């Protein structure tokens, strides 16, 4: 056990200080502090010695230099078992500092200000320096970097009568180095963005633990979810704890939903693949059309709406079994109706924000990074290569199909009608097999009466004519696909022979 006699406190987050100060006072621990923290401690009615008086050196350069002083850092770094260290301490009339409680300037929060000068001033220097010193010297020094740790510290001091255990100090040291690492990562990322340095020589991936999950994809795997924000912006309003698989499907659904016209889009996802998508202007119809695409696969899936869920839609949703329902807002009556299913996870995504820049895959202690496939399509991105030309509406519908197709696991084929999917073939090694699966789904669930023509989208080019031939034989009247096959001319020829509209995209959308 290590008895604490002197503590240094310098915090930007001044919440929950009073309970901490009470336990320090009870154990007769002397407090040193600076700036706003010193004023707050005095305001709360506790004794405190200001850093400038302790060091005999004033704060200078608008507070940039205040704790960067040998009396502070020698007090933290001194090895209590080394006679030479103790002699140096005594010679210079320095004192041991046993407890360092520091959290940093709110650099991350200032990024929203878009004010470079203020952002730079919120890069903390003294705080991380003290924390790293204390964490290095955990044998003798306890370091606290977050107000959430106060409860643990209070418990430790109470249990051990003003002392801390080596295990506790070691644990806090680990968390302290993680805190400084995270802080530096955020700063590094800011400058990378500012200088458009997309692939720096050292890439730092950082995140806050949002939640430890029950398990991973399977029960024998452990799992957790991290975010480079303090929260996900997703609010769970009802239901059981979310699982790894739930989150994976939720992110897939949100990604597709965000790509659809706002206030119209409904996406149903199963195993990270869409099994129904619609952007019909009638919200109820949009949901119904998404469900009709593949109601069998939709069972136990996730439904995501990029609009507020109301009572009328909630009644429809309650007729089906879903694991998760996501709305961009959920009204009070709708929530009450949906919450009757106690295990149903209900998520409000209205506060979802994303600054995501990369897709990341990790295997064998390596990171595989790529920029996002988030291209916004326009007419100029497509080239009509068939003799028969699409009208404005059909081209818009083809773009909708191609947009959905990018979110389907490759090889991917999407069949659509009336701003809605009617058949999806996904994840097959053979594109022809994906065609057959999409057609099979369409034949099983699609009622073509009084509906528009059938359109098809492919995430990559057809390597042979057999793929587009199979689609046309099934009733497809227009196809959109990337170009690039050595048989593109054969495919164009087939389209012209069968009076099929064929549109080439300049963009491929593999999704492995």
Protein backbone atom coordinates (compact mmCIF):
# COMPACT_ATOMS: atom_id res chain seq x y z
CA UNK A 1 0.00 0.00 0.00
CA UNK A 2 1.10 3.54 -0.76
CA UNK A 3 -0.01 6.28 1.64
CA UNK A 4 -1.06 9.46 -0.17
CA UNK A 5 0.09 12.73 1.42
CA UNK A 6 0.07 15.23 -1.42
CA UNK A 7 -2.24 15.48 -4.47
CA UNK A 8 -2.09 17.63 -7.57
CA UNK A 9 -5.46 18.37 -9.21
CA UNK A 10 -5.84 20.09 -12.60
CA UNK A 11 -9.08 19.28 -14.43
CA UNK A 12 -11.09 20.73 -17.30
CA UNK A 13 -14.08 18.58 -16.34
CA UNK A 14 -14.96 19.85 -12.86
CA UNK A 15 -17.94 17.55 -12.28
CA UNK A 16 -18.13 15.36 -9.17
CA UNK A 17 -15.22 17.18 -7.51
CA UNK A 18 -16.93 17.71 -4.15
CA UNK A 19 -17.20 14.02 -3.20
CA UNK A 20 -13.55 13.53 -4.16
CA UNK A 21 -12.38 16.54 -2.14
CA UNK A 22 -14.26 15.25 0.91
CA UNK A 23 -12.34 11.96 0.96
CA UNK A 24 -9.02 13.79 0.41
CA UNK A 25 -9.78 16.10 3.33
CA UNK A 26 -10.82 13.19 5.53
CA UNK A 27 -7.45 11.54 4.90
CA UNK A 28 -5.54 14.81 5.46
CA UNK A 29 -4.18 14.89 1.92
CA UNK A 30 -2.68 18.25 0.90
CA UNK A 31 -3.96 19.62 -2.41
CA UNK A 32 -2.07 21.60 -5.03
CA UNK A 33 -3.91 23.08 -7.99
CA UNK A 34 -3.90 25.74 -10.67
CA UNK A 35 -6.09 28.08 -12.71
CA UNK A 36 -9.80 27.34 -12.87
CA UNK A 37 -9.46 24.15 -10.81
CA UNK A 38 -7.90 26.08 -7.93
CA UNK A 39 -10.77 28.61 -8.00
CA UNK A 40 -13.36 25.79 -8.08
CA UNK A 41 -11.80 23.99 -5.11
CA UNK A 42 -11.76 27.21 -3.06
CA UNK A 43 -15.35 27.92 -4.13
CA UNK A 44 -16.40 24.47 -2.87
CA UNK A 45 -14.93 25.35 0.54
CA UNK A 46 -11.75 23.26 0.60
CA UNK A 47 -8.15 24.25 1.29
CA UNK A 48 -5.80 24.29 -1.65
CA UNK A 49 -2.34 25.62 -2.50
CA UNK A 50 -2.02 27.32 -5.89
CA UNK A 51 0.65 25.86 -8.18
CA UNK A 52 2.37 29.24 -8.70
CA UNK A 53 2.80 29.64 -4.93
CA UNK A 54 3.99 26.04 -4.63
CA UNK A 55 6.63 26.43 -7.36
CA UNK A 56 7.43 30.08 -6.66
CA UNK A 57 6.97 30.75 -10.35
CA UNK A 58 3.97 32.54 -11.91
CA UNK A 59 1.79 31.27 -14.71
CA UNK A 60 3.03 32.79 -17.97
CA UNK A 61 2.11 33.00 -21.66
CA UNK A 62 -1.64 33.07 -21.01
CA UNK A 63 -1.41 29.88 -18.95
CA UNK A 64 0.56 27.91 -21.54
CA UNK A 65 3.28 27.45 -18.90
CA UNK A 66 2.21 26.78 -15.32
CA UNK A 67 2.76 23.13 -14.30
CA UNK A 68 5.87 22.65 -16.48
CA UNK A 69 8.23 23.08 -13.56
CA UNK A 70 10.92 20.84 -11.98
CA UNK A 71 9.26 21.07 -8.56
CA UNK A 72 6.13 19.49 -10.03
CA UNK A 73 7.74 16.85 -12.22
CA UNK A 74 10.49 15.89 -9.78
CA UNK A 75 7.78 15.41 -7.14
CA UNK A 76 5.90 13.08 -9.47
CA UNK A 77 8.85 11.19 -10.97
CA UNK A 78 11.00 10.64 -7.88
CA UNK A 79 11.78 6.97 -7.21
CA UNK A 80 11.21 6.68 -3.48
CA UNK A 81 13.62 3.73 -3.20
CA UNK A 82 16.58 5.49 -4.86
CA UNK A 83 18.77 7.40 -2.42
CA UNK A 84 20.15 9.62 -5.21
CA UNK A 85 16.59 10.66 -6.16
CA UNK A 86 15.73 11.45 -2.55
CA UNK A 87 18.97 13.44 -2.13
CA UNK A 88 18.13 15.51 -5.23
CA UNK A 89 14.65 16.12 -3.90
CA UNK A 90 15.95 17.26 -0.51
CA UNK A 91 18.75 19.38 -2.04
CA UNK A 92 16.26 21.32 -4.15
CA UNK A 93 13.63 21.54 -1.39
CA UNK A 94 11.14 19.62 -3.51
CA UNK A 95 8.38 17.35 -2.17
CA UNK A 96 6.85 14.06 -3.23
CA UNK A 97 3.54 14.19 -5.08
CA UNK A 98 1.61 10.95 -4.58
CA UNK A 99 -1.64 11.54 -6.45
CA UNK A 100 -2.14 13.23 -9.82
CA UNK A 101 -5.72 13.98 -10.89
CA UNK A 102 -5.71 15.52 -14.34
CA UNK A 103 -8.02 15.62 -17.34
CA UNK A 104 -7.13 17.48 -20.48
CA UNK A 105 -8.25 20.59 -22.30
CA UNK A 106 -11.36 19.69 -24.32
CA UNK A 107 -9.62 19.52 -27.68
CA UNK A 108 -12.17 17.12 -29.18
CA UNK A 109 -15.11 19.34 -28.21
CA UNK A 110 -13.55 22.42 -29.80
CA UNK A 111 -13.37 20.76 -33.24
CA UNK A 112 -17.01 21.70 -33.77
CA UNK A 113 -16.08 25.38 -33.48
CA UNK A 114 -14.17 25.29 -36.81
CA UNK A 115 -11.88 27.93 -35.30
CA UNK A 116 -8.28 26.85 -35.88
CA UNK A 117 -6.75 29.28 -33.34
CA UNK A 118 -9.08 28.12 -30.53
CA UNK A 119 -8.50 24.49 -31.51
CA UNK A 120 -4.73 24.94 -31.24
CA UNK A 121 -5.03 26.64 -27.84
CA UNK A 122 -6.94 23.60 -26.62
CA UNK A 123 -4.01 21.27 -27.25
CA UNK A 124 -3.02 20.44 -23.69
CA UNK A 125 0.71 20.21 -22.96
CA UNK A 126 1.09 20.32 -19.20
CA UNK A 127 -1.75 17.88 -18.51
CA UNK A 128 -0.50 14.96 -20.67
CA UNK A 129 3.06 15.60 -19.42
CA UNK A 130 2.01 15.21 -15.80
CA UNK A 131 -0.17 12.20 -16.58
CA UNK A 132 2.64 10.41 -18.46
CA UNK A 133 5.05 11.12 -15.60
CA UNK A 134 2.62 9.79 -13.00
CA UNK A 135 1.74 6.74 -15.09
CA UNK A 136 5.42 5.93 -15.59
CA UNK A 137 5.99 6.12 -11.83
CA UNK A 138 2.95 4.01 -10.88
CA UNK A 139 5.03 2.15 -8.30
CA UNK A 140 4.70 5.23 -6.10
CA UNK A 141 2.12 7.49 -7.73
CA UNK A 142 -1.61 7.14 -8.38
CA UNK A 143 -2.93 8.81 -11.54
CA UNK A 144 -6.58 9.62 -12.31
CA UNK A 145 -7.56 10.92 -15.75
CA UNK A 146 -11.34 10.85 -15.82
CA UNK A 147 -14.11 11.93 -13.45
CA UNK A 148 -15.69 8.49 -14.00
CA UNK A 149 -12.72 7.03 -12.07
CA UNK A 150 -13.45 9.09 -8.93
CA UNK A 151 -15.77 6.47 -7.50
CA UNK A 152 -13.05 3.81 -7.77
CA UNK A 153 -10.49 6.12 -6.15
CA UNK A 154 -12.86 7.02 -3.30
CA UNK A 155 -13.54 3.33 -2.71
CA UNK A 156 -9.81 2.56 -2.74
CA UNK A 157 -8.95 5.37 -0.29
CA UNK A 158 -11.83 4.43 2.01
CA UNK A 159 -10.95 0.74 2.02
CA UNK A 160 -7.23 1.34 2.55
CA UNK A 161 -7.41 4.33 4.92
CA UNK A 162 -5.89 6.89 2.57
CA UNK A 163 -3.63 4.48 0.65
CA UNK A 164 -3.83 2.80 -2.74
CA UNK A 165 -2.84 -0.70 -3.77
CA UNK A 166 -0.18 -1.48 -6.37
CA UNK A 167 -2.81 -3.25 -8.51
CA UNK A 168 -5.01 -0.13 -8.51
CA UNK A 169 -2.10 2.15 -9.41
CA UNK A 170 -1.07 -0.20 -12.22
CA UNK A 171 -4.61 -0.30 -13.57
CA UNK A 172 -4.90 3.49 -13.49
CA UNK A 173 -1.51 3.78 -15.17
CA UNK A 174 -2.70 1.63 -18.07
CA UNK A 175 -5.81 3.76 -18.46
CA UNK A 176 -3.72 6.93 -18.26
CA UNK A 177 -1.46 5.91 -21.15
CA UNK A 178 -4.58 5.00 -23.14
CA UNK A 179 -5.96 8.48 -22.38
CA UNK A 180 -2.82 10.28 -23.58
CA UNK A 181 -2.65 8.00 -26.62
CA UNK A 182 -6.29 8.73 -27.48
CA UNK A 183 -5.77 12.46 -27.01
CA UNK A 184 -2.73 12.55 -29.30
CA UNK A 185 -4.57 10.41 -31.86
CA UNK A 186 -7.42 12.92 -32.07
CA UNK A 187 -4.94 15.76 -32.54
CA UNK A 188 -2.98 13.82 -35.17
CA UNK A 189 -6.19 13.03 -37.03
CA UNK A 190 -7.18 16.70 -37.00
CA UNK A 191 -3.93 17.71 -38.67
CA UNK A 192 -4.16 14.82 -41.15
CA UNK A 193 -7.59 16.07 -42.23
CA UNK A 194 -6.39 19.66 -42.38
CA UNK A 195 -3.43 18.72 -44.59
CA UNK A 196 -5.40 16.10 -46.58
CA UNK A 197 -2.90 13.46 -45.47
CA UNK A 198 -5.13 10.43 -45.99
CA UNK A 199 -2.47 7.77 -45.53
CA UNK A 200 0.14 9.04 -43.04
CA UNK A 201 3.20 6.92 -42.22
CA UNK A 202 1.77 6.29 -38.75
CA UNK A 203 -2.00 5.70 -38.67
CA UNK A 204 -3.63 6.00 -35.26
CA UNK A 205 -6.98 4.34 -34.68
CA UNK A 206 -8.76 5.51 -31.54
CA UNK A 207 -12.08 5.04 -29.79
CA UNK A 208 -14.05 5.23 -26.55
CA UNK A 209 -15.56 2.05 -25.18
CA UNK A 210 -19.28 2.47 -25.62
CA UNK A 211 -20.33 -0.95 -24.39
CA UNK A 212 -19.00 -4.42 -23.63
CA UNK A 213 -21.24 -6.81 -25.55
CA UNK A 214 -22.59 -10.15 -24.39
CA UNK A 215 -20.49 -11.90 -27.02
CA UNK A 216 -19.36 -11.59 -30.63
CA UNK A 217 -20.79 -13.20 -33.74
CA UNK A 218 -20.83 -16.45 -31.75
CA UNK A 219 -21.04 -17.12 -27.98
CA UNK A 220 -17.40 -18.21 -27.72
CA UNK A 221 -16.18 -14.81 -29.00
CA UNK A 222 -15.84 -11.73 -26.79
CA UNK A 223 -16.86 -8.34 -28.19
CA UNK A 224 -17.12 -4.64 -27.46
CA UNK A 225 -18.06 -1.52 -29.39
CA UNK A 226 -15.91 1.60 -29.56
CA UNK A 227 -16.48 5.01 -31.11
CA UNK A 228 -14.25 7.99 -31.82
CA UNK A 229 -17.10 10.01 -30.35
CA UNK A 230 -18.28 9.95 -26.72
CA UNK A 231 -21.45 8.19 -27.81
CA UNK A 232 -22.92 6.67 -30.95
CA UNK A 233 -25.75 9.13 -31.32
CA UNK A 234 -28.08 6.13 -31.17
CA UNK A 235 -30.56 6.05 -28.29
CA UNK A 236 -32.04 2.68 -27.29
CA UNK A 237 -35.58 3.31 -26.06
CA UNK A 238 -36.66 -0.28 -25.41
CA UNK A 239 -35.58 -3.88 -25.43
CA UNK A 240 -32.71 -6.19 -24.63
CA UNK A 241 -29.03 -5.37 -24.84
CA UNK A 242 -27.79 -5.03 -28.39
CA UNK A 243 -25.48 -7.78 -29.63
CA UNK A 244 -22.47 -7.68 -31.96
CA UNK A 245 -24.64 -8.97 -34.81
CA UNK A 246 -27.33 -6.40 -34.00
CA UNK A 247 -24.82 -3.56 -34.28
CA UNK A 248 -23.41 -4.95 -37.51
CA UNK A 249 -26.89 -5.05 -39.05
CA UNK A 250 -27.82 -1.65 -37.59
CA UNK A 251 -24.83 0.02 -39.22
CA UNK A 252 -25.62 -1.64 -42.56
CA UNK A 253 -29.23 -0.47 -42.36
CA UNK A 254 -28.27 3.09 -41.39
CA UNK A 255 -25.73 3.29 -44.20
CA UNK A 256 -28.34 2.37 -46.82
CA UNK A 257 -31.00 4.54 -45.19
CA UNK A 258 -28.74 7.62 -45.29
CA UNK A 259 -28.21 7.14 -49.05
CA UNK A 260 -31.96 7.30 -49.79
CA UNK A 261 -33.99 10.48 -50.25
CA UNK A 262 -34.65 11.87 -46.80
CA UNK A 263 -38.04 11.28 -45.20
CA UNK A 264 -39.02 8.42 -47.54
CA UNK A 265 -36.58 5.55 -47.15
CA UNK A 266 -37.26 2.19 -45.50
CA UNK A 267 -34.60 -0.51 -45.32
CA UNK A 268 -34.92 -4.05 -44.01
CA UNK A 269 -31.64 -5.82 -43.30
CA UNK A 270 -30.77 -9.41 -42.43
CA UNK A 271 -27.20 -10.56 -41.83
CA UNK A 272 -25.83 -7.19 -43.03
CA UNK A 273 -27.54 -7.56 -46.42
CA UNK A 274 -30.63 -5.63 -47.46
CA UNK A 275 -33.62 -7.88 -48.10
CA UNK A 276 -35.97 -5.01 -48.92
CA UNK A 277 -35.55 -1.30 -49.74
CA UNK A 278 -38.06 1.35 -50.78
CA UNK A 279 -38.13 5.13 -51.15
CA UNK A 280 -41.83 5.52 -51.93
CA UNK A 281 -43.16 8.93 -50.88
CA UNK A 282 -46.01 7.29 -48.96
CA UNK A 283 -44.27 6.17 -45.72
CA UNK A 284 -46.64 3.28 -45.02
CA UNK A 285 -46.40 2.08 -48.60
CA UNK A 286 -42.62 2.47 -48.48
CA UNK A 287 -42.48 0.04 -45.54
CA UNK A 288 -44.95 -2.36 -47.16
CA UNK A 289 -43.00 -2.44 -50.44
CA UNK A 290 -39.72 -3.03 -48.60
CA UNK A 291 -41.32 -5.92 -46.71
CA UNK A 292 -42.91 -7.41 -49.84
CA UNK A 293 -39.51 -7.82 -51.47
CA UNK A 294 -38.64 -10.76 -49.21
CA UNK A 295 -40.91 -11.18 -46.17
CA UNK A 296 -39.33 -14.54 -45.32
CA UNK A 297 -35.82 -13.11 -44.96
CA UNK A 298 -37.21 -10.04 -43.18
CA UNK A 299 -38.38 -12.25 -40.28
CA UNK A 300 -36.14 -11.47 -37.29
CA UNK A 301 -34.33 -8.74 -39.21
CA UNK A 302 -33.85 -5.03 -38.70
CA UNK A 303 -36.05 -2.30 -40.17
CA UNK A 304 -34.71 1.24 -40.49
CA UNK A 305 -36.70 4.36 -41.45
CA UNK A 306 -35.04 7.67 -42.31
CA UNK A 307 -38.09 9.49 -40.94
CA UNK A 308 -40.05 9.74 -37.71
CA UNK A 309 -42.11 6.65 -36.90
CA UNK A 310 -45.74 7.48 -36.07
CA UNK A 311 -48.67 5.52 -34.65
CA UNK A 312 -49.96 4.32 -38.03
CA UNK A 313 -46.60 2.86 -39.03
CA UNK A 314 -46.06 1.37 -35.55
CA UNK A 315 -49.29 -0.64 -35.95
CA UNK A 316 -47.96 -2.07 -39.23
CA UNK A 317 -44.52 -2.79 -37.77
CA UNK A 318 -46.05 -4.65 -34.84
CA UNK A 319 -47.57 -7.20 -37.22
CA UNK A 320 -44.09 -8.58 -37.96
CA UNK A 321 -41.28 -10.00 -35.85
CA UNK A 322 -38.21 -7.77 -35.96
CA UNK A 323 -35.15 -7.80 -33.72
CA UNK A 324 -34.59 -4.05 -34.05
CA UNK A 325 -36.61 -1.07 -35.28
CA UNK A 326 -34.79 2.19 -36.04
CA UNK A 327 -36.46 5.53 -36.64
CA UNK A 328 -35.22 9.05 -37.16
CA UNK A 329 -37.37 9.97 -34.20
CA UNK A 330 -40.26 7.96 -32.75
CA UNK A 331 -43.39 9.67 -31.48
CA UNK A 332 -44.76 8.97 -28.01
CA UNK A 333 -47.77 6.89 -29.09
CA UNK A 334 -45.71 4.82 -31.54
CA UNK A 335 -43.14 4.09 -28.84
CA UNK A 336 -45.84 2.98 -26.43
CA UNK A 337 -47.29 0.58 -29.02
CA UNK A 338 -43.92 -0.87 -30.05
CA UNK A 339 -42.74 -1.20 -26.44
CA UNK A 340 -45.45 -3.78 -25.74
CA UNK A 341 -42.91 -6.22 -27.18
CA UNK A 342 -40.48 -6.00 -24.24
CA UNK A 343 -37.53 -7.59 -26.05
CA UNK A 344 -37.86 -5.49 -29.20
CA UNK A 345 -34.93 -3.09 -29.49
CA UNK A 346 -36.21 0.34 -30.48
CA UNK A 347 -33.55 2.80 -31.60
CA UNK A 348 -33.83 6.55 -32.15
CA UNK A 349 -31.18 7.64 -34.68
CA UNK A 350 -32.08 11.34 -34.84
CA UNK A 351 -28.78 12.38 -33.18
CA UNK A 352 -26.60 10.13 -35.32
CA UNK A 353 -23.55 11.95 -36.60
CA UNK A 354 -20.72 10.51 -38.62
CA UNK A 355 -17.30 11.84 -39.56
CA UNK A 356 -16.21 8.44 -40.81
CA UNK A 357 -13.46 8.54 -43.42
CA UNK A 358 -12.45 4.92 -43.84
CA UNK A 359 -13.61 1.36 -43.89
CA UNK A 360 -11.32 -0.67 -41.64
CA UNK A 361 -10.68 -4.42 -41.63
CA UNK A 362 -8.29 -5.95 -39.13
CA UNK A 363 -6.64 -9.37 -39.40
CA UNK A 364 -3.24 -10.78 -38.38
CA UNK A 365 -2.42 -7.60 -36.42
CA UNK A 366 -2.75 -5.50 -39.55
CA UNK A 367 -5.20 -2.82 -40.64
CA UNK A 368 -6.63 -2.72 -44.14
CA UNK A 369 -8.04 0.75 -44.86
CA UNK A 370 -9.97 2.25 -47.73
CA UNK A 371 -12.02 5.37 -48.33
CA UNK A 372 -15.80 5.04 -48.19
CA UNK A 373 -17.90 4.07 -51.18
CA UNK A 374 -20.15 7.09 -50.70
CA UNK A 375 -20.26 8.62 -54.15
CA UNK A 376 -23.39 10.65 -54.82
CA UNK A 377 -24.65 9.72 -58.28
CA UNK A 378 -25.65 12.15 -61.01
CA UNK A 379 -26.68 11.70 -64.66
CA UNK A 380 -23.15 12.53 -65.81
CA UNK A 381 -21.89 9.37 -64.07
CA UNK A 382 -23.82 7.15 -66.47
CA UNK A 383 -23.71 6.47 -70.20
CA UNK A 384 -26.63 5.02 -72.16
CA UNK A 385 -25.08 2.52 -74.59
CA UNK A 386 -28.19 0.84 -76.04
CA UNK A 387 -30.21 2.06 -79.01
CA UNK A 388 -33.30 2.25 -76.85
CA UNK A 389 -33.07 5.17 -74.43
CA UNK A 390 -34.54 5.52 -70.93
CA UNK A 391 -36.82 8.40 -70.04
CA UNK A 392 -36.04 10.73 -67.13
CA UNK A 393 -38.09 8.68 -64.66
CA UNK A 394 -36.58 5.37 -65.73
CA UNK A 395 -33.05 6.72 -65.45
CA UNK A 396 -33.87 7.95 -61.95
CA UNK A 397 -35.24 4.49 -61.10
CA UNK A 398 -32.11 2.83 -62.50
CA UNK A 399 -29.93 5.07 -60.35
CA UNK A 400 -32.00 4.03 -57.30
CA UNK A 401 -31.37 0.36 -58.16
CA UNK A 402 -27.65 0.95 -58.63
CA UNK A 403 -27.43 2.85 -55.36
CA UNK A 404 -29.01 -0.04 -53.43
CA UNK A 405 -26.77 -2.50 -55.27
CA UNK A 406 -23.62 -0.97 -53.78
CA UNK A 407 -24.75 -2.08 -50.28
CA UNK A 408 -25.36 -5.71 -51.25
CA UNK A 409 -22.55 -8.22 -50.77
CA UNK A 410 -20.85 -9.09 -54.05
CA UNK A 411 -21.59 -10.51 -56.43
CA UNK A 412 -24.76 -8.43 -56.28
CA UNK A 413 -27.88 -8.20 -58.44
CA UNK A 414 -30.83 -5.97 -57.51
CA UNK A 415 -34.22 -6.00 -59.24
CA UNK A 416 -36.50 -3.00 -58.73
CA UNK A 417 -39.87 -1.55 -59.64
CA UNK A 418 -41.55 1.65 -58.45
CA UNK A 419 -38.64 2.93 -56.28
CA UNK A 420 -38.53 -0.41 -54.48
CA UNK A 421 -36.56 -3.63 -54.58
CA UNK A 422 -38.43 -6.71 -55.76
CA UNK A 423 -35.59 -9.23 -55.83
CA UNK A 424 -32.04 -9.27 -54.41
CA UNK A 425 -29.29 -11.78 -55.16
CA UNK A 426 -26.23 -11.41 -52.95
CA UNK A 427 -22.88 -12.83 -51.97
CA UNK A 428 -22.42 -15.44 -54.68
CA UNK A 429 -19.08 -16.35 -56.29
CA UNK A 430 -20.93 -16.44 -59.62
CA UNK A 431 -22.79 -13.36 -60.89
CA UNK A 432 -25.09 -15.68 -62.84
CA UNK A 433 -26.08 -17.38 -59.57
CA UNK A 434 -26.88 -13.97 -58.06
CA UNK A 435 -29.11 -13.27 -61.08
CA UNK A 436 -30.95 -16.55 -60.55
CA UNK A 437 -31.45 -15.91 -56.82
CA UNK A 438 -32.80 -12.40 -57.46
CA UNK A 439 -35.21 -13.75 -60.07
CA UNK A 440 -36.30 -16.59 -57.80
CA UNK A 441 -37.06 -14.08 -55.00
CA UNK A 442 -38.99 -11.89 -57.44
CA UNK A 443 -41.09 -14.77 -58.75
CA UNK A 444 -41.87 -15.90 -55.22
CA UNK A 445 -43.00 -12.58 -53.74
CA UNK A 446 -43.57 -10.00 -56.49
CA UNK A 447 -47.06 -9.24 -57.79
CA UNK A 448 -46.51 -7.42 -61.07
CA UNK A 449 -50.12 -6.34 -61.51
CA UNK A 450 -50.43 -2.60 -62.10
CA UNK A 451 -46.73 -2.00 -61.51
CA UNK A 452 -43.92 -0.52 -63.53
CA UNK A 453 -41.34 -2.27 -65.61
CA UNK A 454 -38.70 -4.44 -63.96
CA UNK A 455 -35.22 -2.91 -63.77
CA UNK A 456 -31.93 -4.56 -62.83
CA UNK A 457 -28.65 -3.34 -61.38
CA UNK A 458 -25.34 -5.16 -61.14
CA UNK A 459 -22.50 -4.04 -58.85
CA UNK A 460 -19.89 -4.96 -61.50
CA UNK A 461 -19.80 -5.82 -65.19
CA UNK A 462 -21.23 -9.00 -66.65
CA UNK A 463 -18.26 -11.14 -67.75
CA UNK A 464 -20.50 -13.05 -70.15
CA UNK A 465 -23.79 -12.47 -71.93
CA UNK A 466 -25.50 -15.24 -69.92
CA UNK A 467 -26.14 -12.95 -66.90
CA UNK A 468 -28.01 -10.21 -68.74
CA UNK A 469 -29.70 -12.85 -70.93
CA UNK A 470 -31.10 -14.55 -67.81
CA UNK A 471 -32.42 -11.23 -66.52
CA UNK A 472 -34.09 -10.28 -69.81
CA UNK A 473 -35.73 -13.70 -70.07
CA UNK A 474 -37.20 -13.08 -66.60
CA UNK A 475 -38.87 -9.85 -67.78
CA UNK A 476 -36.21 -7.21 -67.10
CA UNK A 477 -36.54 -4.28 -69.51
CA UNK A 478 -33.57 -2.15 -68.43
CA UNK A 479 -30.17 -2.91 -66.92
CA UNK A 480 -27.57 -0.71 -65.27
CA UNK A 481 -24.03 -2.00 -64.76
CA UNK A 482 -20.41 -0.84 -64.73
CA UNK A 483 -18.46 -1.22 -67.95
CA UNK A 484 -15.06 -2.83 -68.26
CA UNK A 485 -15.64 -6.34 -69.58
CA UNK A 486 -13.83 -7.55 -72.70
CA UNK A 487 -17.34 -8.63 -73.80
CA UNK A 488 -19.01 -5.24 -73.32
CA UNK A 489 -19.67 -5.04 -77.10
CA UNK A 490 -21.37 -8.45 -77.04
CA UNK A 491 -23.56 -7.35 -74.14
CA UNK A 492 -24.51 -4.10 -75.91
CA UNK A 493 -25.33 -6.11 -79.05
CA UNK A 494 -27.56 -8.47 -77.03
CA UNK A 495 -29.36 -5.49 -75.45
CA UNK A 496 -30.09 -4.01 -78.88
CA UNK A 497 -31.27 -7.36 -80.25
CA UNK A 498 -33.73 -7.75 -77.36
CA UNK A 499 -34.85 -4.09 -77.24
CA UNK A 500 -33.38 -3.78 -73.73
CA UNK A 501 -32.23 -0.48 -72.28
CA UNK A 502 -28.59 -0.73 -71.18
CA UNK A 503 -26.81 1.90 -69.09
CA UNK A 504 -23.12 1.79 -68.20
CA UNK A 505 -21.78 3.29 -65.03
CA UNK A 506 -18.29 4.65 -64.63
CA UNK A 507 -18.20 3.25 -61.07
CA UNK A 508 -17.93 -0.31 -59.75
CA UNK A 509 -19.33 -1.30 -56.36
CA UNK A 510 -17.72 -4.46 -55.05
CA UNK A 511 -18.66 -5.05 -51.42
CA UNK A 512 -16.82 -8.01 -49.99
